[in-house]
Protein backbone atom coordinates (compact mmCIF):
# COMPACT_ATOMS: atom_id res chain seq x y z
CA MET A 1 139.27 71.55 101.37
CA ALA A 2 138.90 70.49 105.04
CA TYR A 3 138.66 74.14 106.05
CA GLN A 4 135.93 74.75 103.46
CA VAL A 5 133.87 71.79 104.71
CA THR A 6 134.23 72.93 108.33
CA ALA A 7 133.21 76.49 107.44
CA LEU A 8 130.21 75.24 105.47
CA SER A 9 129.13 72.98 108.32
CA LEU A 10 129.43 75.86 110.76
CA ALA A 11 127.37 78.11 108.51
CA CYS A 12 124.64 75.46 108.26
CA MET A 13 124.67 74.95 112.03
CA MET A 14 124.30 78.70 112.64
CA THR A 15 121.38 78.82 110.18
CA LEU A 16 119.64 75.98 112.02
CA LEU A 17 120.25 77.61 115.39
CA HIS A 18 118.91 80.91 114.09
CA GLY A 19 115.78 79.16 112.82
CA LEU A 20 115.28 77.48 116.21
CA GLN A 21 115.70 80.77 118.05
CA ALA A 22 113.22 82.46 115.79
CA SER A 23 110.54 79.89 116.66
CA LEU A 24 110.80 80.48 120.41
CA CYS A 25 108.76 83.13 122.23
CA PRO A 26 108.96 84.81 125.64
CA PRO A 27 108.40 84.25 128.50
CA LEU A 28 111.67 82.35 128.55
CA PRO A 29 114.90 82.69 130.53
CA MET A 30 116.53 85.52 128.58
CA PRO A 31 120.10 86.85 128.77
CA ASN A 32 120.25 90.07 130.75
CA ASN A 33 121.72 91.94 127.77
CA ALA A 34 119.24 90.64 125.15
CA THR A 35 117.41 93.47 123.36
CA GLU A 36 115.99 91.80 120.23
CA PHE A 37 113.38 89.01 120.11
CA SER A 38 111.97 87.08 117.17
CA CYS A 39 109.07 84.66 117.15
CA SER A 40 107.49 82.99 114.11
CA SER A 41 105.64 79.95 115.45
CA PRO A 42 102.48 79.13 113.41
CA SER A 43 100.96 77.51 116.49
CA LEU A 44 101.14 80.71 118.55
CA GLN A 45 97.67 82.11 119.27
CA GLU A 46 98.38 84.66 122.01
CA PHE A 47 100.80 87.55 121.96
CA PRO A 48 103.88 86.64 124.05
CA THR A 49 104.74 88.37 127.29
CA GLY A 50 107.82 88.76 129.47
CA PHE A 51 109.91 91.07 127.32
CA PRO A 52 112.61 92.91 129.31
CA ASN A 53 112.24 96.67 129.70
CA GLU A 54 115.42 97.18 127.65
CA THR A 55 113.94 95.55 124.54
CA LEU A 56 114.66 97.45 121.32
CA LEU A 57 113.12 95.16 118.70
CA ILE A 58 110.23 92.69 118.73
CA SER A 59 109.31 90.52 115.75
CA VAL A 60 106.20 88.34 116.13
CA GLU A 61 105.34 87.22 112.60
CA PHE A 62 103.72 84.30 110.74
CA THR A 63 101.61 83.26 113.75
CA ASN A 64 97.90 82.72 114.42
CA ILE A 65 97.50 85.67 116.76
CA SER A 66 94.12 87.29 116.11
CA LYS A 67 94.11 89.91 118.87
CA ILE A 68 96.46 91.83 121.12
CA GLY A 69 95.72 93.43 124.46
CA ALA A 70 96.00 97.16 125.16
CA ASP A 71 98.70 96.49 127.77
CA ALA A 72 100.76 94.07 125.67
CA LEU A 73 103.60 96.58 125.20
CA VAL A 74 103.45 98.39 128.53
CA GLY A 75 106.88 99.03 130.04
CA LEU A 76 108.75 98.83 126.73
CA SER A 77 109.56 102.53 126.54
CA LYS A 78 112.82 101.88 124.64
CA LEU A 79 111.23 99.80 121.87
CA GLN A 80 112.33 101.05 118.43
CA GLU A 81 111.03 98.40 116.03
CA LEU A 82 107.85 96.34 116.12
CA HIS A 83 107.16 93.76 113.40
CA LEU A 84 103.72 92.12 113.48
CA SER A 85 103.38 91.02 109.86
CA SER A 86 101.58 87.90 108.60
CA ASN A 87 99.40 87.32 111.63
CA LYS A 88 95.58 87.22 111.93
CA LEU A 89 95.04 90.56 113.66
CA ARG A 90 91.56 91.94 113.00
CA SER A 91 91.76 95.02 115.22
CA LEU A 92 94.14 96.96 117.45
CA PRO A 93 93.30 98.58 120.82
CA ASP A 94 93.39 102.37 120.92
CA GLY A 95 96.22 102.65 123.45
CA LEU A 96 98.52 99.96 122.09
CA PHE A 97 101.33 102.32 120.98
CA HIS A 98 100.80 105.17 123.44
CA ASP A 99 103.75 104.37 125.72
CA LEU A 100 106.34 103.72 123.01
CA PRO A 101 108.08 107.10 122.64
CA GLU A 102 111.05 105.65 120.68
CA LEU A 103 109.08 103.53 118.20
CA ALA A 104 110.45 104.30 114.72
CA THR A 105 109.44 101.25 112.65
CA LEU A 106 106.02 99.58 112.69
CA ASP A 107 105.17 96.73 110.33
CA LEU A 108 101.55 95.50 110.27
CA THR A 109 101.79 93.88 106.83
CA ARG A 110 99.40 91.08 105.82
CA ASN A 111 96.94 91.00 108.68
CA LEU A 112 93.12 91.20 108.61
CA LEU A 113 92.72 94.77 109.81
CA GLU A 114 89.48 96.39 108.66
CA ASP A 115 89.88 99.65 110.60
CA LEU A 116 92.07 101.37 113.18
CA PRO A 117 91.10 103.64 116.11
CA PRO A 118 91.19 107.33 115.08
CA GLY A 119 93.90 108.16 117.63
CA ILE A 120 95.98 105.00 117.31
CA PHE A 121 99.18 106.95 116.45
CA ARG A 122 98.66 110.11 118.48
CA ASN A 123 101.78 109.42 120.60
CA SER A 124 103.88 108.03 117.73
CA SER A 125 105.53 111.26 116.61
CA VAL A 126 108.98 109.68 115.99
CA LEU A 127 107.65 106.95 113.70
CA THR A 128 109.59 106.95 110.41
CA GLN A 129 108.36 103.75 108.72
CA LEU A 130 104.78 102.45 108.74
CA SER A 131 103.48 99.52 106.70
CA LEU A 132 99.79 98.60 106.53
CA HIS A 133 100.25 96.63 103.30
CA GLY A 134 97.94 93.70 102.64
CA ASN A 135 95.09 94.35 105.06
CA GLN A 136 91.37 94.97 104.51
CA LEU A 137 91.25 98.69 105.24
CA ALA A 138 88.49 100.43 103.28
CA THR A 139 88.64 103.92 104.82
CA LEU A 140 91.59 106.23 105.33
CA ARG A 141 91.40 108.41 108.43
CA PRO A 142 93.44 111.65 108.31
CA SER A 143 93.74 111.48 112.12
CA TRP A 144 96.01 108.44 111.76
CA PHE A 145 98.65 110.46 109.93
CA HIS A 146 98.48 113.99 111.37
CA PRO A 147 100.79 113.20 114.33
CA LEU A 148 103.40 111.48 112.14
CA ARG A 149 105.50 114.48 111.12
CA HIS A 150 108.73 112.42 110.92
CA LEU A 151 107.27 109.62 108.79
CA ALA A 152 109.46 108.88 105.75
CA MET A 153 107.89 105.68 104.38
CA LEU A 154 104.16 104.83 104.26
CA ASP A 155 102.90 101.63 102.64
CA LEU A 156 99.11 101.41 102.21
CA SER A 157 99.17 99.01 99.25
CA HIS A 158 96.87 96.02 98.74
CA ASN A 159 93.94 97.34 100.75
CA GLN A 160 90.41 98.34 99.71
CA PHE A 161 90.54 102.14 99.53
CA THR A 162 88.28 103.75 96.94
CA GLU A 163 89.33 107.31 97.76
CA VAL A 164 91.85 109.37 99.69
CA PRO A 165 90.31 112.19 101.77
CA PRO A 166 91.55 115.69 100.83
CA PHE A 167 94.62 116.76 102.83
CA CYS A 168 94.87 113.28 104.39
CA PHE A 169 98.69 113.36 104.19
CA SER A 170 99.17 117.12 104.51
CA LYS A 171 101.11 116.89 107.80
CA LEU A 172 103.60 114.34 106.48
CA GLU A 173 106.22 116.93 105.62
CA ASN A 174 109.10 114.41 105.71
CA LEU A 175 107.46 111.65 103.68
CA THR A 176 109.65 110.44 100.79
CA ASP A 177 107.94 107.14 99.84
CA LEU A 178 104.15 106.65 99.51
CA ASP A 179 102.70 103.37 98.24
CA LEU A 180 98.97 103.32 97.40
CA SER A 181 99.21 100.54 94.82
CA PHE A 182 96.57 97.85 94.35
CA ASN A 183 93.62 99.66 95.85
CA PHE A 184 90.49 100.93 94.08
CA LEU A 185 91.25 104.63 93.58
CA HIS A 186 89.51 106.33 90.65
CA THR A 187 91.03 109.79 90.56
CA LEU A 188 94.11 111.73 91.65
CA THR A 189 93.73 115.36 92.74
CA PRO A 190 96.05 118.09 94.09
CA GLN A 191 94.43 117.82 97.53
CA ILE A 192 95.50 114.19 97.86
CA LEU A 193 99.18 115.15 97.54
CA GLU A 194 98.96 118.39 99.48
CA GLY A 195 101.92 118.93 101.83
CA LEU A 196 104.16 116.23 100.35
CA LEU A 197 106.98 118.57 99.41
CA HIS A 198 109.71 115.96 99.92
CA LEU A 199 107.95 112.99 98.31
CA GLU A 200 110.37 111.16 95.98
CA LYS A 201 108.47 107.96 95.15
CA LEU A 202 104.73 107.56 94.52
CA ASN A 203 103.29 104.17 93.59
CA LEU A 204 99.71 104.09 92.26
CA GLU A 205 100.00 100.88 90.27
CA GLY A 206 97.03 98.55 90.01
CA ASN A 207 94.24 100.95 90.92
CA GLN A 208 91.30 102.05 88.76
CA LEU A 209 92.56 105.55 88.01
CA GLN A 210 90.61 107.19 85.21
CA SER A 211 91.81 110.77 85.60
CA ILE A 212 94.54 112.97 87.07
CA ALA A 213 93.48 116.54 87.75
CA ASP A 214 95.47 119.46 86.36
CA GLY A 215 98.02 120.81 88.84
CA THR A 216 98.22 117.59 90.83
CA PHE A 217 102.01 117.30 90.69
CA GLN A 218 102.68 120.93 91.55
CA ARG A 219 102.40 119.69 95.16
CA THR A 220 105.27 117.22 94.77
CA PRO A 221 108.33 119.07 93.39
CA SER A 222 110.77 116.42 94.69
CA LEU A 223 109.12 113.47 92.93
CA LYS A 224 111.60 111.20 91.14
CA PHE A 225 109.72 107.92 90.64
CA LEU A 226 106.05 107.80 89.59
CA PHE A 227 104.29 104.49 88.96
CA LEU A 228 100.87 104.63 87.24
CA ARG A 229 101.04 101.17 85.69
CA ASN A 230 97.93 99.02 85.24
CA ASN A 231 95.19 101.63 85.59
CA THR A 232 92.47 102.80 83.18
CA LEU A 233 93.90 106.17 82.12
CA ALA A 234 92.71 107.00 78.61
CA SER A 235 94.26 110.49 78.44
CA LEU A 236 96.65 112.78 80.28
CA SER A 237 96.59 116.56 80.14
CA ALA A 238 99.44 118.16 78.23
CA GLY A 239 102.04 119.31 80.72
CA ILE A 240 100.63 117.31 83.66
CA PHE A 241 104.18 116.12 84.46
CA GLU A 242 105.96 119.37 83.59
CA PRO A 243 106.33 120.58 87.24
CA LEU A 244 108.46 117.52 88.03
CA ASN A 245 111.98 118.86 87.52
CA LEU A 246 113.60 115.86 89.22
CA LEU A 247 111.57 113.09 87.55
CA GLU A 248 113.70 110.05 86.70
CA LEU A 249 111.13 107.33 85.98
CA LEU A 250 107.54 107.54 84.78
CA ASP A 251 105.66 104.28 84.32
CA VAL A 252 102.30 104.62 82.54
CA SER A 253 102.32 101.11 81.08
CA TYR A 254 99.16 99.05 80.66
CA ASN A 255 96.64 101.85 80.63
CA LYS A 256 94.31 102.91 77.79
CA LEU A 257 96.45 105.73 76.42
CA THR A 258 96.35 106.39 72.68
CA SER A 259 98.57 109.49 72.74
CA LEU A 260 100.94 111.41 75.00
CA VAL A 261 102.11 114.99 74.55
CA PRO A 262 105.90 115.07 75.10
CA LYS A 263 105.84 117.97 77.54
CA PHE A 264 108.23 117.40 80.43
CA SER A 265 110.53 119.64 82.41
CA SER A 266 113.76 120.46 80.60
CA GLN A 267 115.48 120.00 83.96
CA ALA A 268 114.50 116.30 84.17
CA MET A 269 117.86 115.19 82.78
CA LYS A 270 117.66 111.50 83.85
CA LEU A 271 114.16 110.77 82.61
CA SER A 272 113.17 107.27 81.48
CA LEU A 273 109.69 106.08 80.49
CA ASP A 274 107.64 102.91 80.34
CA LEU A 275 104.88 103.35 77.75
CA SER A 276 104.29 99.68 76.97
CA GLY A 277 100.93 97.91 76.93
CA ASN A 278 98.89 100.92 75.74
CA PRO A 279 96.77 101.04 72.54
CA TRP A 280 98.87 103.75 70.86
CA ALA A 281 97.41 105.49 67.82
CA CYS A 282 100.37 105.89 65.47
CA LYS A 283 99.31 109.09 63.79
CA CYS A 284 101.01 112.49 63.45
CA HIS A 285 100.99 113.23 67.20
CA MET A 286 102.81 109.95 67.88
CA SER A 287 105.44 111.01 65.37
CA ALA A 288 106.10 114.06 67.54
CA LEU A 289 106.49 111.89 70.65
CA VAL A 290 108.92 109.51 68.93
CA ALA A 291 110.98 112.43 67.60
CA TRP A 292 111.18 113.88 71.11
CA LEU A 293 112.23 110.52 72.60
CA LYS A 294 115.11 110.24 70.14
CA GLU A 295 116.16 113.89 70.33
CA HIS A 296 116.48 113.76 74.13
CA SER A 297 117.86 110.18 74.31
CA ILE A 298 115.01 109.10 76.59
CA PHE A 299 115.42 105.51 77.75
CA LEU A 300 112.31 103.52 76.94
CA TRP A 301 111.58 100.49 79.11
CA ALA A 302 109.90 97.50 77.39
CA GLU A 303 110.49 99.20 74.03
CA GLN A 304 109.48 96.10 72.05
CA GLN A 305 106.11 96.05 73.80
CA THR A 306 105.49 99.73 72.99
CA ILE A 307 103.58 99.17 69.78
CA CYS A 308 100.89 100.65 67.53
CA ALA A 309 97.28 99.58 67.93
CA THR A 310 95.97 101.82 65.14
CA PRO A 311 95.82 102.45 62.23
CA LYS A 312 95.25 98.86 61.19
CA TYR A 313 98.17 98.72 58.73
CA LEU A 314 100.61 99.65 61.55
CA GLU A 315 99.14 97.36 64.21
CA GLY A 316 101.90 95.56 66.12
CA GLN A 317 104.69 97.82 64.85
CA MET A 318 107.14 99.11 67.46
CA ILE A 319 106.59 102.87 67.63
CA THR A 320 110.30 103.72 67.72
CA SER A 321 110.92 101.69 64.55
CA LEU A 322 108.75 103.96 62.40
CA ALA A 323 110.30 106.70 60.29
CA PRO A 324 108.57 110.11 60.49
CA GLY A 325 106.81 109.66 57.15
CA LYS A 326 105.36 106.26 58.11
CA PHE A 327 102.90 107.49 60.72
CA GLY A 328 99.25 107.79 59.79
CA ALA A 329 97.54 111.09 59.12
CA CYS A 330 95.67 112.87 61.93
């Protein structure tokens, strides 16, 4: 018991020390071998200075910094990770990242950025993770992404985009994870996904999508996870998802779908669906969908919320609970 108390006390002490360290910011007397620095002081209003040239990671988050100078990161040629989330940054200088040849992770989550210089990432060719989540960006510039040929993860969620320019991501040949959720996109076209041959996860939840053009997913043969939840899709073309041989999860919940043609790749052996929250019309075409779900043992997420809206006498009935002869006539 004494050992357990001592160990617990030590763990608490280390947590407190870690919290204290995280609130401190350079310039401070730093150990010669220190390479990682964390600062999260809400009272901080200027970006800290004095980082050693050997620094590998800088985390300056949850502060009141509203601007950062073009020379703030000069001399940090070995920097690999830069975390600037939850600050008050409204803009970034054009040359901020130009002398960071090893920078692989950049987190700009939850700032107040309304735009970025066109060439902000022109020297950031080794960047693999970029998050711009939770800013106020209204326009996507293809020039931001064209140099980023090694980028694997791109988070653009919770911004104010109404459209994605054609071929915007066409140079991102190594991208596996693209998050465009909670913007104001109205349509999805093949040109938007052009070049994304290795994309595995695409999140479009919480937009205003009304249509998906035929052939859109022919550009993304590696797609495994597709999230279309909480949009305004009223219909989907038959076979729109058929090119996706590796599809494992399709979420079309909380749209305005009344029917769905069960036309998926026969090679998608691990497929599961979320169809909940749609106003399904339980007529003969829905009978075909339910028969297909059962025949192929498709896992249905939120099955109890996948219910009939019409005809009136079936309203509220779980679609998978209906026998073939119970569906309404077409």
